[in-house]
């Protein structure tokens, strides 16, 4: 009498392939969402720090407004807008030659004319 092979012999490799695909999908989705977070996360970051920027604005009203900002490591145009209280659109309008993807540490960004 011949023994019938167990289905585990072909189910185990299939399960390993399925797990590998699931891990790849999760890691890929996480990497893609972290890339998008750099673009859209600034809006979420701006929402959470609205109270902070409002407090900063009220402190700065009596003080002289800064005319320029020096880029620090890790800065983006949206983070500069949040830090300084100047809208992103205004920064882009005042700095038409500025490329947001190639900001350099030490670079000067105009905040007012």
N, C-alpha and C. Protein backbone atom coordinates (compact mmCIF):
# COMPACT_ATOMS: atom_id res chain seq x y z
N UNK A 1 0.83 -1.17 0.00
CA UNK A 1 0.00 0.00 0.00
C UNK A 1 0.89 1.25 0.00
N UNK A 2 0.58 2.16 -0.84
CA UNK A 2 1.37 3.37 -1.00
C UNK A 2 0.84 4.47 -0.09
N UNK A 3 1.78 5.19 0.60
CA UNK A 3 1.36 6.28 1.49
C UNK A 3 1.05 7.52 0.69
N UNK A 4 0.03 8.16 1.06
CA UNK A 4 -0.34 9.40 0.39
C UNK A 4 0.49 10.55 0.98
N UNK A 5 1.01 11.40 0.13
CA UNK A 5 1.84 12.51 0.61
C UNK A 5 0.97 13.53 1.33
N UNK A 6 1.56 14.10 2.35
CA UNK A 6 0.87 15.10 3.15
C UNK A 6 0.76 16.41 2.36
N UNK A 7 -0.38 17.10 2.45
CA UNK A 7 -0.51 18.40 1.77
C UNK A 7 0.43 19.46 2.34
N UNK A 8 0.98 19.21 3.51
CA UNK A 8 1.92 20.15 4.12
C UNK A 8 3.17 20.29 3.27
N UNK A 9 3.50 19.28 2.48
CA UNK A 9 4.71 19.33 1.64
C UNK A 9 4.62 20.43 0.59
N UNK A 10 3.44 20.73 0.11
CA UNK A 10 3.32 21.82 -0.85
C UNK A 10 2.69 23.08 -0.25
N UNK A 11 1.99 22.94 0.91
CA UNK A 11 1.41 24.11 1.55
C UNK A 11 2.47 24.96 2.27
N UNK A 12 3.49 24.32 2.83
CA UNK A 12 4.52 25.06 3.56
C UNK A 12 5.27 26.04 2.65
N UNK A 13 5.77 25.62 1.50
CA UNK A 13 6.44 26.61 0.63
C UNK A 13 5.48 27.71 0.14
N UNK A 14 4.23 27.34 -0.10
CA UNK A 14 3.24 28.32 -0.51
C UNK A 14 3.01 29.35 0.60
N UNK A 15 2.97 28.90 1.84
CA UNK A 15 2.79 29.81 2.98
C UNK A 15 4.00 30.73 3.12
N UNK A 16 5.20 30.22 2.89
CA UNK A 16 6.41 31.05 2.97
C UNK A 16 6.38 32.14 1.91
N UNK A 17 5.98 31.79 0.70
CA UNK A 17 5.89 32.77 -0.39
C UNK A 17 4.82 33.82 -0.05
N UNK A 18 3.69 33.38 0.49
CA UNK A 18 2.63 34.32 0.86
C UNK A 18 3.09 35.28 1.95
N UNK A 19 3.82 34.78 2.94
CA UNK A 19 4.34 35.63 4.01
C UNK A 19 5.36 36.63 3.46
N UNK A 20 6.22 36.17 2.59
CA UNK A 20 7.22 37.06 2.00
C UNK A 20 6.52 38.18 1.21
N UNK A 21 5.48 37.84 0.47
CA UNK A 21 4.74 38.85 -0.28
C UNK A 21 4.06 39.85 0.66
N UNK A 22 3.51 39.36 1.76
CA UNK A 22 2.85 40.24 2.73
C UNK A 22 3.86 41.20 3.36
N UNK A 23 5.03 40.71 3.72
CA UNK A 23 6.06 41.56 4.31
C UNK A 23 6.50 42.61 3.30
N UNK A 24 6.73 42.20 2.06
CA UNK A 24 7.13 43.14 1.01
C UNK A 24 6.07 44.23 0.83
N UNK A 25 4.80 43.85 0.82
CA UNK A 25 3.72 44.82 0.63
C UNK A 25 3.67 45.82 1.77
N UNK A 26 3.80 45.36 3.00
CA UNK A 26 3.76 46.26 4.15
C UNK A 26 4.95 47.21 4.15
N UNK A 27 6.15 46.68 3.89
CA UNK A 27 7.35 47.52 3.88
C UNK A 27 7.26 48.54 2.75
N UNK A 28 6.83 48.13 1.58
CA UNK A 28 6.71 49.04 0.44
C UNK A 28 5.68 50.14 0.73
N UNK A 29 4.55 49.77 1.30
CA UNK A 29 3.53 50.77 1.63
C UNK A 29 4.04 51.75 2.68
N UNK A 30 4.81 51.25 3.65
CA UNK A 30 5.37 52.12 4.68
C UNK A 30 6.37 53.10 4.07
N UNK A 31 7.21 52.62 3.18
CA UNK A 31 8.18 53.51 2.54
C UNK A 31 7.49 54.56 1.68
N UNK A 32 6.46 54.16 0.94
CA UNK A 32 5.74 55.11 0.11
C UNK A 32 5.01 56.14 0.96
N UNK A 33 4.42 55.70 2.08
CA UNK A 33 3.69 56.65 2.92
C UNK A 33 4.66 57.59 3.62
N UNK A 34 5.88 57.13 3.94
CA UNK A 34 6.84 58.04 4.56
C UNK A 34 7.32 59.07 3.55
N UNK A 35 7.40 58.73 2.26
CA UNK A 35 7.74 59.71 1.23
C UNK A 35 6.62 60.73 1.10
N UNK A 36 5.36 60.28 1.12
CA UNK A 36 4.23 61.17 1.03
C UNK A 36 4.10 62.01 2.28
N UNK A 37 4.53 61.48 3.41
CA UNK A 37 4.46 62.23 4.66
C UNK A 37 5.31 63.47 4.59
N UNK A 38 6.42 63.39 3.88
CA UNK A 38 7.25 64.57 3.72
C UNK A 38 6.53 65.66 2.97
N UNK A 39 5.67 65.28 2.05
CA UNK A 39 4.90 66.26 1.29
C UNK A 39 3.63 66.67 2.02
N UNK A 40 2.83 65.69 2.48
CA UNK A 40 1.56 66.01 3.10
C UNK A 40 1.66 66.11 4.61
N UNK A 41 2.70 65.55 5.19
CA UNK A 41 2.87 65.63 6.63
C UNK A 41 3.04 67.05 7.12
N UNK A 42 3.55 67.89 6.27
CA UNK A 42 3.74 69.28 6.66
C UNK A 42 2.39 69.93 6.95
N UNK A 43 1.35 69.53 6.21
CA UNK A 43 0.02 70.08 6.48
C UNK A 43 -0.48 69.60 7.83
N UNK A 44 -0.27 68.31 8.13
CA UNK A 44 -0.67 67.79 9.43
C UNK A 44 0.16 68.43 10.53
N UNK A 45 1.43 68.63 10.28
CA UNK A 45 2.31 69.26 11.25
C UNK A 45 1.85 70.70 11.47
N UNK A 46 1.45 71.35 10.41
CA UNK A 46 1.00 72.73 10.52
C UNK A 46 -0.26 72.82 11.36
N UNK A 47 -1.17 71.84 11.20
CA UNK A 47 -2.40 71.84 11.99
C UNK A 47 -2.10 71.67 13.46
N UNK A 48 -1.15 70.79 13.80
CA UNK A 48 -0.86 70.54 15.21
C UNK A 48 -0.10 71.68 15.85
N UNK A 49 0.61 72.45 15.05
CA UNK A 49 1.39 73.54 15.63
C UNK A 49 0.75 74.90 15.43
N UNK A 50 -0.54 74.94 15.06
CA UNK A 50 -1.22 76.21 14.84
C UNK A 50 -1.23 77.03 16.11
N UNK A 51 -1.48 76.38 17.24
CA UNK A 51 -1.50 77.09 18.50
C UNK A 51 -0.13 77.68 18.81
N UNK A 52 0.92 76.91 18.54
CA UNK A 52 2.27 77.39 18.80
C UNK A 52 2.59 78.60 17.94
N UNK A 53 2.24 78.54 16.65
CA UNK A 53 2.57 79.65 15.76
C UNK A 53 1.75 80.88 16.10
N UNK A 54 0.52 80.69 16.58
CA UNK A 54 -0.29 81.83 16.98
C UNK A 54 0.35 82.53 18.17
N UNK A 55 0.87 81.73 19.10
CA UNK A 55 1.56 82.32 20.25
C UNK A 55 2.82 83.04 19.81
N UNK A 56 3.56 82.45 18.87
CA UNK A 56 4.78 83.09 18.38
C UNK A 56 4.46 84.39 17.66
N UNK A 57 3.37 84.39 16.88
CA UNK A 57 2.99 85.59 16.15
C UNK A 57 2.66 86.73 17.11
N UNK A 58 1.93 86.40 18.18
CA UNK A 58 1.56 87.46 19.11
C UNK A 58 2.79 88.03 19.82
N UNK A 59 3.80 87.20 20.07
CA UNK A 59 5.04 87.69 20.67
C UNK A 59 5.80 88.57 19.70
N UNK A 60 5.75 88.23 18.40
CA UNK A 60 6.52 88.93 17.40
C UNK A 60 5.88 90.24 16.93
N UNK A 61 4.63 90.45 17.23
CA UNK A 61 3.96 91.63 16.69
C UNK A 61 4.66 92.91 17.10
N UNK A 62 5.14 92.96 18.34
CA UNK A 62 5.83 94.15 18.81
C UNK A 62 7.26 94.20 18.29
N UNK A 63 7.81 93.07 17.97
CA UNK A 63 9.20 93.01 17.52
C UNK A 63 9.28 93.29 16.03
N UNK A 64 10.49 93.59 15.57
CA UNK A 64 10.73 93.84 14.15
C UNK A 64 10.63 92.53 13.39
N UNK A 65 10.00 92.54 12.24
CA UNK A 65 9.88 91.33 11.43
C UNK A 65 11.19 91.01 10.76
N UNK A 66 11.49 89.71 10.68
CA UNK A 66 12.70 89.30 9.98
C UNK A 66 12.48 89.39 8.49
N UNK A 67 13.51 89.78 7.79
CA UNK A 67 13.41 89.92 6.34
C UNK A 67 13.92 88.69 5.62
N UNK A 68 14.72 87.85 6.32
CA UNK A 68 15.29 86.66 5.68
C UNK A 68 15.43 85.56 6.73
N UNK A 69 15.54 84.34 6.25
CA UNK A 69 15.72 83.17 7.11
C UNK A 69 16.90 82.39 6.58
N UNK A 70 17.77 81.92 7.46
CA UNK A 70 18.90 81.10 7.06
C UNK A 70 18.51 79.64 7.23
N UNK A 71 18.61 78.87 6.16
CA UNK A 71 18.20 77.47 6.16
C UNK A 71 19.10 76.65 7.07
N UNK A 72 18.47 75.82 7.89
CA UNK A 72 19.18 74.91 8.78
C UNK A 72 19.02 73.49 8.26
N UNK A 73 19.83 72.59 8.75
CA UNK A 73 19.77 71.20 8.32
C UNK A 73 18.38 70.62 8.60
N UNK A 74 17.80 69.98 7.60
CA UNK A 74 16.50 69.34 7.75
C UNK A 74 15.32 70.25 7.45
N UNK A 75 15.58 71.52 7.16
CA UNK A 75 14.48 72.44 6.86
C UNK A 75 13.86 72.14 5.50
N UNK A 76 12.56 72.37 5.42
CA UNK A 76 11.83 72.34 4.16
C UNK A 76 11.11 73.68 4.06
N UNK A 77 10.61 74.01 2.89
CA UNK A 77 9.90 75.28 2.75
C UNK A 77 8.70 75.34 3.67
N UNK A 78 7.98 74.23 3.81
CA UNK A 78 6.81 74.24 4.68
C UNK A 78 7.20 74.38 6.15
N UNK A 79 8.32 73.79 6.56
CA UNK A 79 8.74 73.95 7.95
C UNK A 79 9.22 75.38 8.21
N UNK A 80 9.84 75.99 7.21
CA UNK A 80 10.26 77.39 7.34
C UNK A 80 9.02 78.28 7.47
N UNK A 81 7.99 77.98 6.68
CA UNK A 81 6.75 78.74 6.76
C UNK A 81 6.14 78.63 8.16
N UNK A 82 6.14 77.44 8.72
CA UNK A 82 5.58 77.24 10.06
C UNK A 82 6.43 77.96 11.10
N UNK A 83 7.76 77.84 11.00
CA UNK A 83 8.64 78.47 11.99
C UNK A 83 8.56 79.99 11.97
N UNK A 84 8.42 80.57 10.79
CA UNK A 84 8.46 82.02 10.67
C UNK A 84 7.09 82.68 10.65
N UNK A 85 6.05 81.89 10.41
CA UNK A 85 4.72 82.46 10.35
C UNK A 85 4.41 83.12 9.02
N UNK A 86 5.27 82.94 8.04
CA UNK A 86 5.06 83.47 6.69
C UNK A 86 4.48 82.34 5.85
N UNK A 87 3.46 82.64 5.06
CA UNK A 87 2.82 81.58 4.29
C UNK A 87 3.77 81.00 3.24
N UNK A 88 3.56 79.75 2.93
CA UNK A 88 4.37 79.05 1.94
C UNK A 88 4.27 79.75 0.58
N UNK A 89 3.07 80.18 0.22
CA UNK A 89 2.87 80.86 -1.05
C UNK A 89 3.68 82.15 -1.13
N UNK A 90 3.73 82.89 -0.02
CA UNK A 90 4.49 84.14 0.00
C UNK A 90 5.98 83.87 -0.14
N UNK A 91 6.48 82.85 0.55
CA UNK A 91 7.90 82.50 0.44
C UNK A 91 8.23 82.14 -1.01
N UNK A 92 7.37 81.36 -1.64
CA UNK A 92 7.61 80.97 -3.03
C UNK A 92 7.53 82.17 -3.97
N UNK A 93 6.64 83.11 -3.69
CA UNK A 93 6.52 84.31 -4.51
C UNK A 93 7.75 85.20 -4.36
N UNK A 94 8.27 85.34 -3.15
CA UNK A 94 9.43 86.19 -2.90
C UNK A 94 10.74 85.55 -3.38
N UNK A 95 10.74 84.23 -3.54
CA UNK A 95 11.94 83.50 -3.94
C UNK A 95 11.64 82.64 -5.16
N UNK A 96 11.41 83.25 -6.32
CA UNK A 96 10.99 82.47 -7.50
C UNK A 96 12.06 81.49 -7.99
N UNK A 97 13.34 81.78 -7.74
CA UNK A 97 14.41 80.89 -8.19
C UNK A 97 14.71 79.78 -7.19
N UNK A 98 14.00 79.77 -6.07
CA UNK A 98 14.27 78.80 -5.01
C UNK A 98 13.64 77.46 -5.37
N UNK A 99 14.45 76.40 -5.32
CA UNK A 99 13.96 75.05 -5.58
C UNK A 99 13.79 74.35 -4.24
N UNK A 100 12.56 74.00 -3.91
CA UNK A 100 12.28 73.41 -2.59
C UNK A 100 12.96 72.06 -2.40
N UNK A 101 13.32 71.38 -3.48
CA UNK A 101 13.97 70.07 -3.37
C UNK A 101 15.47 70.17 -3.16
N UNK A 102 16.03 71.35 -3.35
CA UNK A 102 17.48 71.46 -3.22
C UNK A 102 17.88 72.58 -2.26
N UNK A 103 17.18 72.70 -1.14
CA UNK A 103 17.57 73.68 -0.12
C UNK A 103 18.91 73.27 0.47
N UNK A 104 19.78 74.25 0.69
CA UNK A 104 21.11 73.98 1.23
C UNK A 104 21.24 74.68 2.58
N UNK A 105 21.91 74.03 3.51
CA UNK A 105 22.17 74.62 4.81
C UNK A 105 22.95 75.91 4.61
N UNK A 106 22.51 76.99 5.27
CA UNK A 106 23.16 78.28 5.16
C UNK A 106 22.56 79.17 4.08
N UNK A 107 21.71 78.63 3.24
CA UNK A 107 21.08 79.39 2.17
C UNK A 107 20.11 80.41 2.80
N UNK A 108 20.02 81.59 2.19
CA UNK A 108 19.13 82.65 2.70
C UNK A 108 17.82 82.62 1.92
N UNK A 109 16.71 82.71 2.66
CA UNK A 109 15.38 82.71 2.07
C UNK A 109 14.71 84.04 2.45
N UNK A 110 14.26 84.79 1.47
CA UNK A 110 13.58 86.06 1.73
C UNK A 110 12.21 85.79 2.36
N UNK A 111 11.89 86.56 3.40
CA UNK A 111 10.59 86.45 4.05
C UNK A 111 9.73 87.68 3.81
N UNK A 112 10.37 88.80 3.47
CA UNK A 112 9.62 90.01 3.14
C UNK A 112 10.43 90.80 2.12
N UNK A 113 9.75 91.64 1.34
CA UNK A 113 10.45 92.39 0.29
C UNK A 113 11.41 93.43 0.83
